[in-house]
Amino acid sequence: MPQNVFVWISQNNGEVDLTSWEALAIARQIAGDLGGQTVGLLLGQNVADLAKQAIQHGADSVFVADDPSLMSIRVQPYSAIITELVQTHEPAALILGASASGLELAAYIAAKLDLGLASDCTELSVEDGSLSAIRPALIGNLVAQIRFGDKLPHIATIRRRAFTPLEPDSSRTGEITPVGIVLEEADIPTKVESFESSSGEVSLTNAKIVVSGGRGVGGPEGFIPVQALADALGGAMGASRAAVDAGWIPYAHQVGQTGKTVQPDLYIACGISGAIQHLAGMKTSKIIVAINQDSEAPIFQHANYGIVGDLTKYLPALTEEFTRRLGK
């Protein structure tokens, strides 16, 4: 019997979270090994057109729940629909992106159905007909291999940027099936009152390049050259907890165990000592560059390249050179 793989397609205001395309890519590989198909689960309001995008990115078919009650991601109505689809169609696996919403939703569904959950995975594969997952632990110092029992589906969330999405193929076709809601608005205990958003900034979690500042930048004004370098590279600006706690920069920029986890191609740490809490949020970056006056700073033990010196001199020089070479 073919064993299909379900993938939650996370979207906000009609924009799909990139982790969903990454999840579809690994789901196709797993479904192929299991002899099944990749099935997208798309929930929201006015999202019909996104189903076609999901098929172009690898889904063989898509279930679509389109209703005003699903405009915002809320765990109760979303989990109710996904749980019903899982119980009705009995997939072999359910994969979600490890965003804040994905982590909450996966845990809720797993608890509700009494199923196993592998969270924040960097590798997924099929071994002996069953899903196997790899996830880092203890700030990447330990790699855990997780195997599931016989009860299906196996549920996993994948770490952002750990998998490469497929190139969209406009020639692909697939069945799009509408499904009804399970909970009426009056039966949903949580309500969304308002939204706050920022514009003109590169998403920290999606950025391929992140330039972060720590206590070593000296104060709020020290983030001006940090932002300038990030802008020159087309990246996002991050910060250490120490800088956030000092009130130099908003919490939205915090990278670390109690902030955002990033995995960019390039991470530049400016005036950051390299505390364990901060490393937890960026240690898996592909290339780490550290700039710090203290040659004994722990960050240098994890950096691919390091500059020991005054960042107030190096940051403007790097910004000027990158601007020139990139033609900005």
Protein backbone atom coordinates (compact mmCIF):
# COMPACT_ATOMS: atom_id res chain seq x y z
CA MET A 1 0.00 0.00 0.00
CA PRO A 2 1.48 3.40 -1.00
CA GLN A 3 2.44 5.56 1.95
CA ASN A 4 1.85 9.25 1.33
CA VAL A 5 3.64 12.12 3.04
CA PHE A 6 1.64 15.16 4.18
CA VAL A 7 3.25 18.61 4.26
CA TRP A 8 1.74 21.65 5.96
CA ILE A 9 2.02 24.68 3.64
CA SER A 10 2.47 27.61 6.01
CA GLN A 11 1.38 30.98 4.64
CA ASN A 12 0.71 34.46 5.95
CA ASN A 13 -1.35 36.99 3.99
CA GLY A 14 -0.86 34.99 0.81
CA GLU A 15 2.91 34.62 1.18
CA VAL A 16 4.20 31.09 1.71
CA ASP A 17 6.89 30.52 4.32
CA LEU A 18 10.02 29.28 2.50
CA THR A 19 10.33 26.35 4.91
CA SER A 20 7.19 24.92 3.30
CA TRP A 21 8.93 24.62 -0.07
CA GLU A 22 11.93 23.07 1.72
CA ALA A 23 9.58 20.61 3.42
CA LEU A 24 8.01 19.66 0.08
CA ALA A 25 11.46 18.92 -1.34
CA ILE A 26 12.43 16.43 1.36
CA ALA A 27 8.87 15.06 1.45
CA ARG A 28 9.11 14.11 -2.25
CA GLN A 29 12.28 12.17 -1.53
CA ILE A 30 10.69 10.35 1.41
CA ALA A 31 7.44 9.66 -0.46
CA GLY A 32 9.45 8.26 -3.36
CA ASP A 33 11.27 5.87 -1.03
CA LEU A 34 7.94 4.80 0.48
CA GLY A 35 6.20 4.40 -2.86
CA GLY A 36 3.69 7.13 -2.08
CA GLN A 37 2.87 10.71 -3.04
CA THR A 38 3.48 14.15 -1.54
CA VAL A 39 0.30 15.85 -0.35
CA GLY A 40 0.14 19.52 0.61
CA LEU A 41 -2.15 20.82 3.37
CA LEU A 42 -3.03 24.46 2.70
CA LEU A 43 -5.13 26.39 5.21
CA GLY A 44 -6.08 30.07 5.17
CA GLN A 45 -8.36 32.63 3.57
CA ASN A 46 -8.32 33.28 -0.19
CA VAL A 47 -5.46 30.81 -0.67
CA ALA A 48 -6.68 28.87 -3.72
CA ASP A 49 -3.95 30.27 -5.97
CA LEU A 50 -1.27 29.11 -3.53
CA ALA A 51 -2.31 25.49 -4.12
CA LYS A 52 -1.01 25.77 -7.67
CA GLN A 53 2.30 27.08 -6.32
CA ALA A 54 2.51 24.08 -3.98
CA ILE A 55 2.10 21.70 -6.91
CA GLN A 56 4.78 23.59 -8.85
CA HIS A 57 7.12 23.18 -5.84
CA GLY A 58 6.62 19.42 -5.58
CA ALA A 59 3.19 18.51 -4.21
CA ASP A 60 1.35 15.81 -6.14
CA SER A 61 -1.98 16.97 -4.72
CA VAL A 62 -3.22 19.56 -2.24
CA PHE A 63 -6.03 19.69 0.31
CA VAL A 64 -7.29 23.27 0.65
CA ALA A 65 -9.29 24.64 3.59
CA ASP A 66 -10.33 28.20 2.74
CA ASP A 67 -12.34 30.12 5.34
CA PRO A 68 -12.26 33.48 7.17
CA SER A 69 -11.68 31.63 10.45
CA LEU A 70 -8.35 30.42 9.05
CA MET A 71 -7.02 33.86 8.07
CA SER A 72 -4.61 33.82 11.03
CA ILE A 73 -2.68 30.77 12.17
CA ARG A 74 -4.30 29.54 15.37
CA VAL A 75 -3.49 26.16 16.80
CA GLN A 76 -7.06 25.03 17.54
CA PRO A 77 -8.74 25.39 14.10
CA TYR A 78 -5.57 24.45 12.20
CA SER A 79 -4.89 21.33 14.27
CA ALA A 80 -8.53 20.26 14.06
CA ILE A 81 -8.48 20.23 10.26
CA ILE A 82 -5.06 18.61 9.95
CA THR A 83 -5.94 15.98 12.55
CA GLU A 84 -9.12 15.07 10.70
CA LEU A 85 -7.24 14.78 7.40
CA VAL A 86 -4.58 12.61 9.04
CA GLN A 87 -7.14 10.30 10.62
CA THR A 88 -9.14 10.01 7.39
CA HIS A 89 -6.30 9.46 4.91
CA GLU A 90 -3.67 7.79 7.16
CA PRO A 91 -0.41 9.17 5.73
CA ALA A 92 2.93 7.65 6.62
CA ALA A 93 4.40 10.99 7.71
CA LEU A 94 3.51 14.61 8.40
CA ILE A 95 6.21 17.25 7.90
CA LEU A 96 6.08 20.88 9.00
CA GLY A 97 8.60 23.71 8.98
CA ALA A 98 10.17 24.44 12.37
CA SER A 99 8.81 27.99 12.54
CA ALA A 100 7.19 29.18 15.78
CA SER A 101 3.77 28.21 14.40
CA GLY A 102 5.01 24.92 12.96
CA LEU A 103 6.63 23.85 16.23
CA GLU A 104 3.48 24.64 18.20
CA LEU A 105 1.17 22.99 15.70
CA ALA A 106 3.27 19.83 15.39
CA ALA A 107 3.49 19.38 19.17
CA TYR A 108 -0.26 19.93 19.58
CA ILE A 109 -1.16 17.40 16.87
CA ALA A 110 1.35 14.83 18.14
CA ALA A 111 -0.02 15.10 21.69
CA LYS A 112 -3.62 14.96 20.49
CA LEU A 113 -3.03 11.80 18.43
CA ASP A 114 -0.51 10.25 20.85
CA LEU A 115 2.19 10.16 18.17
CA GLY A 116 5.96 10.56 18.16
CA LEU A 117 7.52 13.87 17.11
CA ALA A 118 11.04 14.68 15.89
CA SER A 119 11.58 18.41 16.18
CA ASP A 120 13.97 20.79 14.39
CA CYS A 121 15.44 18.11 12.11
CA THR A 122 18.34 18.69 9.74
CA GLU A 123 18.09 15.32 7.97
CA LEU A 124 15.22 12.98 7.16
CA SER A 125 15.43 9.59 5.48
CA VAL A 126 13.72 6.21 5.22
CA GLU A 127 15.32 3.21 6.90
CA ASP A 128 13.70 -0.22 6.84
CA GLY A 129 10.46 1.34 5.65
CA SER A 130 10.28 3.80 8.52
CA LEU A 131 11.15 7.48 8.90
CA SER A 132 14.50 8.30 10.50
CA ALA A 133 15.48 11.79 11.61
CA ILE A 134 18.66 13.60 12.58
CA ARG A 135 18.57 16.63 14.85
CA PRO A 136 21.31 18.60 16.61
CA ALA A 137 21.30 18.89 20.38
CA LEU A 138 23.34 20.72 23.01
CA ILE A 139 24.15 23.64 20.70
CA GLY A 140 25.22 21.31 17.93
CA ASN A 141 27.74 19.43 20.07
CA LEU A 142 25.60 16.30 19.90
CA VAL A 143 23.73 14.81 16.96
CA ALA A 144 20.73 12.66 17.82
CA GLN A 145 19.27 10.04 15.49
CA ILE A 146 15.57 9.53 16.04
CA ARG A 147 13.62 6.50 14.92
CA PHE A 148 9.89 6.11 15.16
CA GLY A 149 7.70 3.24 16.28
CA ASP A 150 5.03 1.51 14.26
CA LYS A 151 2.25 4.01 14.92
CA LEU A 152 1.59 6.35 11.99
CA PRO A 153 1.98 9.03 10.91
CA HIS A 154 5.50 9.95 11.94
CA ILE A 155 5.64 13.69 12.58
CA ALA A 156 8.73 15.86 12.04
CA THR A 157 9.53 19.55 11.83
CA ILE A 158 12.50 20.62 9.72
CA ARG A 159 15.03 23.33 10.52
CA ARG A 160 14.91 26.38 8.29
CA ARG A 161 17.43 26.33 5.41
CA ALA A 162 18.48 22.75 6.21
CA PHE A 163 16.96 21.49 2.94
CA THR A 164 17.07 22.93 -0.57
CA PRO A 165 13.68 23.63 -2.18
CA LEU A 166 12.95 22.36 -5.66
CA GLU A 167 12.89 24.75 -8.58
CA PRO A 168 9.22 25.49 -9.36
CA ASP A 169 7.95 23.62 -12.40
CA SER A 170 4.98 25.34 -14.07
CA SER A 171 4.22 22.24 -16.14
CA ARG A 172 3.34 20.11 -13.10
CA THR A 173 -0.31 19.33 -12.45
CA GLY A 174 -2.10 17.82 -9.50
CA GLU A 175 -5.46 17.38 -7.85
CA ILE A 176 -6.67 20.23 -5.62
CA THR A 177 -9.35 19.12 -3.14
CA PRO A 178 -11.36 21.57 -1.02
CA VAL A 179 -12.07 20.53 2.58
CA GLY A 180 -14.43 22.04 5.12
CA ILE A 181 -13.63 23.60 8.45
CA VAL A 182 -14.01 21.61 11.67
CA LEU A 183 -14.42 24.41 14.22
CA GLU A 184 -16.76 27.36 13.85
CA GLU A 185 -15.41 30.76 14.91
CA ALA A 186 -17.58 30.71 18.04
CA ASP A 187 -15.92 27.45 19.12
CA ILE A 188 -12.33 28.77 18.80
CA PRO A 189 -11.08 30.00 22.20
CA THR A 190 -8.29 32.26 20.89
CA LYS A 191 -8.88 35.49 18.99
CA VAL A 192 -6.47 37.66 16.98
CA GLU A 193 -7.03 41.31 17.86
CA SER A 194 -4.39 43.03 15.72
CA PHE A 195 -1.10 42.70 13.84
CA GLU A 196 2.19 44.58 14.01
CA SER A 197 4.52 44.45 11.06
CA SER A 198 7.68 46.12 9.81
CA SER A 199 8.62 46.84 6.23
CA GLY A 200 11.80 47.43 4.30
CA GLU A 201 13.84 44.94 6.35
CA VAL A 202 15.32 41.60 5.35
CA SER A 203 13.80 38.71 7.33
CA LEU A 204 16.32 37.60 9.93
CA THR A 205 15.27 33.95 9.86
CA ASN A 206 15.29 33.72 6.05
CA ALA A 207 18.42 35.80 5.43
CA LYS A 208 21.38 34.19 3.68
CA ILE A 209 23.67 36.77 5.30
CA VAL A 210 23.39 38.03 8.88
CA VAL A 211 25.52 40.72 10.49
CA SER A 212 25.10 40.83 14.28
CA GLY A 213 26.31 43.21 16.96
CA GLY A 214 26.96 42.56 20.63
CA ARG A 215 28.05 44.44 23.72
CA GLY A 216 31.31 45.27 21.96
CA VAL A 217 29.60 47.78 19.63
CA GLY A 218 29.49 50.12 22.63
CA GLY A 219 25.90 51.38 22.52
CA PRO A 220 22.85 52.01 20.31
CA GLU A 221 24.90 54.12 17.92
CA GLY A 222 27.26 51.18 17.46
CA PHE A 223 24.57 49.37 15.47
CA ILE A 224 24.65 52.03 12.74
CA PRO A 225 27.79 50.57 11.09
CA VAL A 226 26.46 47.05 11.73
CA GLN A 227 23.29 47.90 9.80
CA ALA A 228 25.33 49.58 7.08
CA LEU A 229 27.38 46.43 6.50
CA ALA A 230 24.24 44.28 6.50
CA ASP A 231 22.66 46.60 3.91
CA ALA A 232 25.77 46.53 1.73
CA LEU A 233 25.67 42.72 1.71
CA GLY A 234 21.91 42.51 1.23
CA GLY A 235 21.58 40.79 4.59
CA ALA A 236 19.76 41.17 7.89
CA MET A 237 20.94 42.67 11.16
CA GLY A 238 21.02 40.57 14.32
CA ALA A 239 22.09 41.16 17.90
CA SER A 240 23.22 39.33 21.00
CA ARG A 241 21.07 39.10 24.12
CA ALA A 242 23.46 41.39 25.97
CA ALA A 243 22.83 44.18 23.47
CA VAL A 244 19.07 43.61 23.59
CA ASP A 245 19.00 43.51 27.40
CA ALA A 246 20.95 46.78 27.46
CA GLY A 247 18.16 48.39 25.44
CA TRP A 248 20.41 49.16 22.47
CA ILE A 249 18.28 47.29 19.91
CA PRO A 250 14.79 45.70 19.85
CA TYR A 251 14.26 42.07 20.79
CA ALA A 252 13.13 41.26 17.22
CA HIS A 253 16.84 41.26 16.26
CA GLN A 254 18.00 38.88 19.00
CA VAL A 255 19.83 35.75 17.88
CA GLY A 256 20.28 32.96 20.39
CA GLN A 257 18.59 30.40 22.59
CA THR A 258 15.94 32.88 23.74
CA GLY A 259 15.83 34.70 20.40
CA LYS A 260 15.81 33.56 16.79
CA THR A 261 17.76 30.61 15.39
CA VAL A 262 19.47 31.46 12.10
CA GLN A 263 21.41 29.32 9.63
CA PRO A 264 22.74 31.73 7.00
CA ASP A 265 25.45 31.13 4.46
CA LEU A 266 27.46 33.90 6.14
CA TYR A 267 27.27 35.11 9.76
CA ILE A 268 29.38 38.09 10.83
CA ALA A 269 29.64 38.54 14.60
CA CYS A 270 30.70 42.06 15.57
CA GLY A 271 31.73 42.63 19.17
CA ILE A 272 30.10 39.37 20.30
CA SER A 273 31.98 37.29 22.85
CA GLY A 274 30.35 34.00 21.86
CA ALA A 275 28.38 32.97 24.93
CA ILE A 276 26.70 29.55 24.79
CA GLN A 277 23.27 31.18 24.64
CA HIS A 278 24.21 33.10 21.49
CA LEU A 279 25.97 30.15 19.85
CA ALA A 280 22.76 28.13 20.19
CA GLY A 281 21.14 30.45 17.67
CA MET A 282 23.85 30.67 15.00
CA LYS A 283 26.44 27.93 15.38
CA THR A 284 25.18 26.03 12.34
CA SER A 285 25.85 28.97 10.01
CA LYS A 286 27.88 27.80 7.01
CA ILE A 287 30.62 30.44 7.41
CA ILE A 288 31.21 32.46 10.59
CA VAL A 289 33.35 35.60 10.67
CA ALA A 290 34.19 37.15 14.05
CA ILE A 291 35.38 40.70 14.68
CA ASN A 292 36.45 41.35 18.26
CA GLN A 293 39.19 43.23 20.09
CA ASP A 294 39.60 40.37 22.57
CA SER A 295 41.68 37.64 20.96
CA GLU A 296 40.56 35.24 23.72
CA ALA A 297 36.84 35.68 23.00
CA PRO A 298 35.15 32.26 22.73
CA ILE A 299 33.57 33.23 19.39
CA PHE A 300 36.94 32.72 17.69
CA GLN A 301 36.81 29.01 18.57
CA HIS A 302 33.79 28.65 16.31
CA ALA A 303 34.69 31.15 13.58
CA ASN A 304 36.00 30.19 10.16
CA TYR A 305 37.68 33.59 9.91
CA GLY A 306 38.52 36.13 12.58
CA ILE A 307 39.64 39.73 12.86
CA VAL A 308 41.20 40.86 16.13
CA GLY A 309 40.82 44.61 16.18
CA ASP A 310 38.64 47.69 16.56
CA LEU A 311 35.34 47.08 14.80
CA THR A 312 34.70 50.83 14.50
CA LYS A 313 37.55 50.85 11.97
CA TYR A 314 36.93 47.52 10.28
CA LEU A 315 33.15 47.77 9.77
CA PRO A 316 33.21 51.02 7.73
CA ALA A 317 36.17 49.69 5.72
CA LEU A 318 34.36 46.42 4.96
CA THR A 319 31.17 48.28 4.06
CA GLU A 320 33.04 50.58 1.70
CA GLU A 321 34.85 47.70 -0.01
CA PHE A 322 31.76 45.50 -0.37
CA THR A 323 29.77 48.44 -1.71
CA ARG A 324 32.46 49.06 -4.32
CA ARG A 325 32.84 45.43 -5.34
CA LEU A 326 29.09 44.75 -5.44
CA GLY A 327 28.47 47.93 -7.42
CA LYS A 328 26.03 49.43 -4.94
